C-alpha atoms as a PDB file:
ATOM      1  CA  MET A   1       6.692  28.460  40.124  1.00  0.00           C
ATOM      2  CA  PRO A   2       2.889  28.509  40.533  1.00  0.00           C
ATOM      3  CA  ASP A   3       0.699  26.095  38.654  1.00  0.00           C
ATOM      4  CA  PHE A   4      -1.404  27.543  35.883  1.00  0.00           C
ATOM      5  CA  ALA A   5      -4.739  27.330  37.736  1.00  0.00           C
ATOM      6  CA  GLN A   6      -3.386  29.343  40.664  1.00  0.00           C
ATOM      7  CA  TRP A   7      -1.628  31.794  38.369  1.00  0.00           C
ATOM      8  CA  SER A   8      -4.892  32.296  36.437  1.00  0.00           C
ATOM      9  CA  LEU A   9      -6.841  32.944  39.624  1.00  0.00           C
ATOM     10  CA  ASP A  10      -4.265  35.509  40.736  1.00  0.00           C
ATOM     11  CA  ALA A  11      -4.310  37.194  37.309  1.00  0.00           C
ATOM     12  CA  ILE A  12      -8.123  37.320  37.306  1.00  0.00           C
ATOM     13  CA  ARG A  13      -8.169  38.865  40.772  1.00  0.00           C
ATOM     14  CA  GLU A  14      -5.502  41.422  39.812  1.00  0.00           C
ATOM     15  CA  GLU A  15      -7.827  42.748  37.131  1.00  0.00           C
ATOM     16  CA  GLY A  16     -10.427  43.498  39.770  1.00  0.00           C
ATOM     17  CA  GLY A  17     -14.121  43.679  38.976  1.00  0.00           C
ATOM     18  CA  SER A  18     -13.752  43.579  35.215  1.00  0.00           C
ATOM     19  CA  LEU A  19     -12.848  39.882  35.237  1.00  0.00           C
ATOM     20  CA  SER A  20     -14.838  38.808  38.291  1.00  0.00           C
ATOM     21  CA  TRP A  21     -17.258  36.899  36.028  1.00  0.00           C
ATOM     22  CA  LEU A  22     -14.396  34.576  35.054  1.00  0.00           C
ATOM     23  CA  GLU A  23     -13.422  33.542  38.563  1.00  0.00           C
ATOM     24  CA  GLU A  24     -16.132  30.881  38.824  1.00  0.00           C
ATOM     25  CA  TYR A  25     -15.056  29.449  35.429  1.00  0.00           C
ATOM     26  CA  ARG A  26     -11.332  29.534  36.176  1.00  0.00           C
ATOM     27  CA  PHE A  27     -10.933  25.749  36.234  1.00  0.00           C
ATOM     28  CA  GLU A  28     -12.460  25.367  32.763  1.00  0.00           C
ATOM     29  CA  TRP A  29     -10.307  28.283  31.597  1.00  0.00           C
ATOM     30  CA  SER A  30      -7.147  26.880  33.163  1.00  0.00           C
ATOM     31  CA  LYS A  31      -7.572  23.361  31.820  1.00  0.00           C
ATOM     32  CA  THR A  32      -8.254  24.332  28.222  1.00  0.00           C
ATOM     33  CA  THR A  33      -5.849  27.247  28.018  1.00  0.00           C
ATOM     34  CA  ALA A  34      -2.921  25.402  29.604  1.00  0.00           C
ATOM     35  CA  PHE A  35      -3.272  22.722  26.923  1.00  0.00           C
ATOM     36  CA  ALA A  36      -3.215  25.372  24.174  1.00  0.00           C
ATOM     37  CA  LEU A  37      -0.208  27.106  25.747  1.00  0.00           C
ATOM     38  CA  GLU A  38       1.718  23.835  25.885  1.00  0.00           C
ATOM     39  CA  GLN A  39       1.108  23.348  22.181  1.00  0.00           C
ATOM     40  CA  ILE A  40       2.317  26.873  21.414  1.00  0.00           C
ATOM     41  CA  LEU A  41       5.431  26.372  23.548  1.00  0.00           C
ATOM     42  CA  ASN A  42       6.092  23.143  21.660  1.00  0.00           C
ATOM     43  CA  GLY A  43       6.205  25.125  18.416  1.00  0.00           C
ATOM     44  CA  LYS A  44       2.828  24.300  16.930  1.00  0.00           C
ATOM     45  CA  THR A  45       1.150  26.722  14.549  1.00  0.00           C
ATOM     46  CA  ILE A  46      -2.246  28.110  15.543  1.00  0.00           C
ATOM     47  CA  ILE A  47      -4.871  27.942  12.808  1.00  0.00           C
ATOM     48  CA  LEU A  48      -7.506  30.417  13.891  1.00  0.00           C
ATOM     49  CA  ILE A  49     -11.142  29.928  12.905  1.00  0.00           C
ATOM     50  CA  THR A  50     -14.083  32.088  13.917  1.00  0.00           C
ATOM     51  CA  ASP A  51     -17.710  32.101  12.973  1.00  0.00           C
ATOM     52  CA  GLU A  52     -18.763  34.979  10.709  1.00  0.00           C
ATOM     53  CA  LYS A  53     -20.023  37.172  13.565  1.00  0.00           C
ATOM     54  CA  ARG A  54     -16.595  37.029  15.204  1.00  0.00           C
ATOM     55  CA  LYS A  55     -14.526  37.956  12.124  1.00  0.00           C
ATOM     56  CA  TRP A  56     -13.726  41.273  13.792  1.00  0.00           C
ATOM     57  CA  PHE A  57     -12.218  39.328  16.687  1.00  0.00           C
ATOM     58  CA  GLU A  58     -10.182  37.130  14.358  1.00  0.00           C
ATOM     59  CA  HIS A  59      -8.658  40.253  12.817  1.00  0.00           C
ATOM     60  CA  TYR A  60      -7.999  41.643  16.280  1.00  0.00           C
ATOM     61  CA  ILE A  61      -6.182  38.470  17.414  1.00  0.00           C
ATOM     62  CA  LEU A  62      -4.156  38.206  14.217  1.00  0.00           C
ATOM     63  CA  SER A  63      -3.011  41.819  14.466  1.00  0.00           C
ATOM     64  CA  SER A  64      -2.395  41.728  18.229  1.00  0.00           C
ATOM     65  CA  MET A  65      -0.711  38.382  18.822  1.00  0.00           C
ATOM     66  CA  ASN A  66       2.474  39.451  17.046  1.00  0.00           C
ATOM     67  CA  GLY A  67       2.144  43.206  17.545  1.00  0.00           C
ATOM     68  CA  LEU A  68       5.068  45.545  16.993  1.00  0.00           C
ATOM     69  CA  LEU A  69       5.525  46.443  20.648  1.00  0.00           C
ATOM     70  CA  LEU A  70       5.559  42.918  22.066  1.00  0.00           C
ATOM     71  CA  GLU A  71       8.746  41.762  23.696  1.00  0.00           C
ATOM     72  CA  ARG A  72       8.413  38.050  23.039  1.00  0.00           C
ATOM     73  CA  PRO A  73       9.162  35.731  20.150  1.00  0.00           C
ATOM     74  CA  LEU A  74       6.693  35.724  17.278  1.00  0.00           C
ATOM     75  CA  ILE A  75       3.911  33.152  17.502  1.00  0.00           C
ATOM     76  CA  PRO A  76       3.005  31.187  14.360  1.00  0.00           C
ATOM     77  CA  ILE A  77      -0.681  31.960  13.788  1.00  0.00           C
ATOM     78  CA  ILE A  78      -2.745  32.047  10.631  1.00  0.00           C
ATOM     79  CA  SER A  79      -6.410  32.225   9.713  1.00  0.00           C
ATOM     80  CA  ILE A  80      -8.084  29.253   8.045  1.00  0.00           C
ATOM     81  CA  ASP A  81      -9.308  31.728   5.423  1.00  0.00           C
ATOM     82  CA  ASN A  82      -5.699  32.511   4.490  1.00  0.00           C
ATOM     83  CA  ILE A  83      -4.993  28.825   4.051  1.00  0.00           C
ATOM     84  CA  TYR A  84      -8.099  28.119   1.989  1.00  0.00           C
ATOM     85  CA  THR A  85      -9.943  31.214   0.791  1.00  0.00           C
ATOM     86  CA  HIS A  86     -13.085  29.241  -0.042  1.00  0.00           C
ATOM     87  CA  TYR A  87     -13.472  27.799   3.442  1.00  0.00           C
ATOM     88  CA  ASN A  88     -16.919  29.387   3.853  1.00  0.00           C
ATOM     89  CA  ASN A  89     -18.175  27.280   0.951  1.00  0.00           C
ATOM     90  CA  VAL A  90     -17.003  23.983   2.413  1.00  0.00           C
ATOM     91  CA  SER A  91     -19.778  21.539   3.092  1.00  0.00           C
ATOM     92  CA  GLY A  92     -19.500  17.878   3.729  1.00  0.00           C
ATOM     93  CA  GLY A  93     -16.975  15.624   5.347  1.00  0.00           C
ATOM     94  CA  GLU A  94     -15.055  14.713   2.208  1.00  0.00           C
ATOM     95  CA  THR A  95     -14.109  18.324   1.459  1.00  0.00           C
ATOM     96  CA  ILE A  96     -13.091  18.856   5.078  1.00  0.00           C
ATOM     97  CA  ASP A  97     -10.944  15.710   4.827  1.00  0.00           C
ATOM     98  CA  ILE A  98      -9.181  17.116   1.764  1.00  0.00           C
ATOM     99  CA  ILE A  99      -8.521  20.456   3.465  1.00  0.00           C
ATOM    100  CA  ASP A 100      -7.343  18.721   6.625  1.00  0.00           C
ATOM    101  CA  ASP A 101      -4.967  16.547   4.592  1.00  0.00           C
ATOM    102  CA  MET A 102      -3.568  19.622   2.861  1.00  0.00           C
ATOM    103  CA  ILE A 103      -3.040  21.362   6.215  1.00  0.00           C
ATOM    104  CA  SER A 104      -1.417  18.237   7.701  1.00  0.00           C
ATOM    105  CA  LEU A 105       1.001  18.042   4.789  1.00  0.00           C
ATOM    106  CA  SER A 106       1.785  21.756   4.915  1.00  0.00           C
ATOM    107  CA  TYR A 107       2.314  21.960   8.669  1.00  0.00           C
ATOM    108  CA  LYS A 108       3.638  18.424   9.274  1.00  0.00           C
ATOM    109  CA  ASP A 109       0.946  17.902  11.926  1.00  0.00           C
ATOM    110  CA  ASP A 110       2.562  20.637  14.043  1.00  0.00           C
ATOM    111  CA  TYR A 111      -0.581  22.739  14.300  1.00  0.00           C
ATOM    112  CA  PHE A 112      -3.811  23.010  16.200  1.00  0.00           C
ATOM    113  CA  PHE A 113      -7.087  24.752  15.546  1.00  0.00           C
ATOM    114  CA  TRP A 114      -8.356  27.572  17.747  1.00  0.00           C
ATOM    115  CA  TYR A 115     -12.060  28.000  17.141  1.00  0.00           C
ATOM    116  CA  ILE A 116     -14.081  30.930  18.473  1.00  0.00           C
ATOM    117  CA  GLY A 117     -17.799  31.026  17.803  1.00  0.00           C
ATOM    118  CA  ARG A 118     -21.083  29.219  17.929  1.00  0.00           C
ATOM    119  CA  GLY A 119     -20.854  25.480  18.324  1.00  0.00           C
ATOM    120  CA  ASP A 120     -23.429  24.809  15.613  1.00  0.00           C
ATOM    121  CA  ASP A 121     -21.610  26.871  12.969  1.00  0.00           C
ATOM    122  CA  LYS A 122     -20.241  24.803  10.068  1.00  0.00           C
ATOM    123  CA  ARG A 123     -16.913  26.652  10.328  1.00  0.00           C
ATOM    124  CA  SER A 124     -16.282  24.701  13.555  1.00  0.00           C
ATOM    125  CA  ASP A 125     -16.485  21.297  11.869  1.00  0.00           C
ATOM    126  CA  ILE A 126     -12.811  20.935  10.980  1.00  0.00           C
ATOM    127  CA  ALA A 127     -11.690  21.915  14.492  1.00  0.00           C
ATOM    128  CA  LYS A 128     -14.132  19.498  16.105  1.00  0.00           C
ATOM    129  CA  ARG A 129     -12.403  16.620  14.330  1.00  0.00           C
ATOM    130  CA  LYS A 130      -9.095  17.208  16.143  1.00  0.00           C
ATOM    131  CA  ASP A 131      -8.585  16.333  19.807  1.00  0.00           C
ATOM    132  CA  GLU A 132      -5.868  18.997  20.105  1.00  0.00           C
ATOM    133  CA  SER A 133      -8.172  21.865  19.115  1.00  0.00           C
ATOM    134  CA  TYR A 134      -8.778  24.763  21.467  1.00  0.00           C
ATOM    135  CA  PHE A 135     -12.256  26.256  21.676  1.00  0.00           C
ATOM    136  CA  TRP A 136     -13.971  29.340  22.929  1.00  0.00           C
ATOM    137  CA  ILE A 137     -17.328  27.965  21.952  1.00  0.00           C
ATOM    138  CA  PHE A 138     -20.820  29.378  22.406  1.00  0.00           C
ATOM    139  CA  ASP A 139     -23.954  27.563  23.515  1.00  0.00           C
ATOM    140  CA  GLU A 140     -22.426  24.082  23.432  1.00  0.00           C
ATOM    141  CA  ASP A 141     -20.373  21.903  25.726  1.00  0.00           C
ATOM    142  CA  PHE A 142     -17.476  20.356  23.899  1.00  0.00           C
ATOM    143  CA  ASN A 143     -14.210  18.625  24.781  1.00  0.00           C
ATOM    144  CA  ASN A 144     -11.352  21.025  25.510  1.00  0.00           C
ATOM    145  CA  ALA A 145     -13.684  24.006  25.267  1.00  0.00           C
ATOM    146  CA  PHE A 146     -14.246  27.134  27.252  1.00  0.00           C
ATOM    147  CA  THR A 147     -17.981  27.732  26.927  1.00  0.00           C
ATOM    148  CA  LEU A 148     -19.706  31.097  26.638  1.00  0.00           C
ATOM    149  CA  LYS A 149     -23.262  32.181  25.826  1.00  0.00           C
ATOM    150  CA  SER A 150     -23.875  33.797  22.446  1.00  0.00           C
ATOM    151  CA  TYR A 151     -26.808  35.772  23.835  1.00  0.00           C
ATOM    152  CA  ASP A 152     -24.692  37.386  26.574  1.00  0.00           C
ATOM    153  CA  LYS A 153     -25.031  41.129  26.040  1.00  0.00           C
ATOM    154  CA  ASP A 154     -21.418  41.555  27.178  1.00  0.00           C
ATOM    155  CA  LEU A 155     -19.994  38.800  24.961  1.00  0.00           C
ATOM    156  CA  ASP A 156     -17.726  41.063  22.894  1.00  0.00           C
ATOM    157  CA  ILE A 157     -16.285  42.649  26.025  1.00  0.00           C
ATOM    158  CA  LYS A 158     -15.731  39.217  27.553  1.00  0.00           C
ATOM    159  CA  LEU A 159     -13.940  38.017  24.424  1.00  0.00           C
ATOM    160  CA  LEU A 160     -11.566  40.966  24.602  1.00  0.00           C
ATOM    161  CA  GLN A 161     -10.992  40.317  28.315  1.00  0.00           C
ATOM    162  CA  LEU A 162     -10.317  36.638  27.614  1.00  0.00           C
ATOM    163  CA  TYR A 163      -7.826  37.537  24.922  1.00  0.00           C
ATOM    164  CA  LYS A 164      -6.041  39.920  27.285  1.00  0.00           C
ATOM    165  CA  LEU A 165      -5.782  37.122  29.859  1.00  0.00           C
ATOM    166  CA  PHE A 166      -4.700  34.639  27.173  1.00  0.00           C
ATOM    167  CA  ASP A 167      -1.965  37.007  26.022  1.00  0.00           C
ATOM    168  CA  ALA A 168      -0.760  37.529  29.596  1.00  0.00           C
ATOM    169  CA  SER A 169      -0.859  33.751  30.116  1.00  0.00           C
ATOM    170  CA  LEU A 170       1.220  33.206  26.996  1.00  0.00           C
ATOM    171  CA  ASN A 171       3.820  35.713  28.177  1.00  0.00           C
ATOM    172  CA  ALA A 172       3.942  34.138  31.636  1.00  0.00           C
ATOM    173  CA  ALA A 173       4.367  30.650  30.187  1.00  0.00           C
ATOM    174  CA  MET A 174       7.023  31.735  27.682  1.00  0.00           C
ATOM    175  CA  PHE A 175       9.089  33.552  30.292  1.00  0.00           C
ATOM    176  CA  GLY A 176       8.893  30.835  32.943  1.00  0.00           C
ATOM    177  CA  GLU A 177       6.597  32.639  35.374  1.00  0.00           C
ATOM    178  CA  VAL A 178       4.086  29.801  35.346  1.00  0.00           C
ATOM    179  CA  ASP A 179       4.101  26.111  34.540  1.00  0.00           C
ATOM    180  CA  ALA A 180       1.468  25.619  31.843  1.00  0.00           C
ATOM    181  CA  SER A 181       1.776  21.861  32.082  1.00  0.00           C
ATOM    182  CA  SER A 182       0.450  21.800  35.646  1.00  0.00           C
END
């Protein structure tokens, strides 16, 4: 069984030119994504958070991850906005602490945040507090993050390509084609 870094490289190359931009970032991709896949395989719920400009992408992920035609078990995923509808109005550490406590009680600490968006957006604050969080973050280097540039004219296309690779990675890990822990 190939390790996840090698599997990712092979998957990127199979896509041809459309994913060639990702080949030089494959180690960052492999490290962060393998950690997220392990958490999913261990039964953790994904709490998805995006900045406002990526709301379209949040809806896409939520509708695609457990699509009707998929032949895999359902993945527990929910938007932070469905957990706390006033999340956009949160400001300050104390309120984030209260929300985080509520989430911890509700999900028994079997969850992780997946944040997609600008690093300086206040919607990222709750995810940045957790070491287990998974990030596709823009314009900022952060622990356990795959970094992109918000000013990239092809950013939306790259996000869709990354999701396609993430989905393929999830399938491969679930069906024993790759070892996500390597």
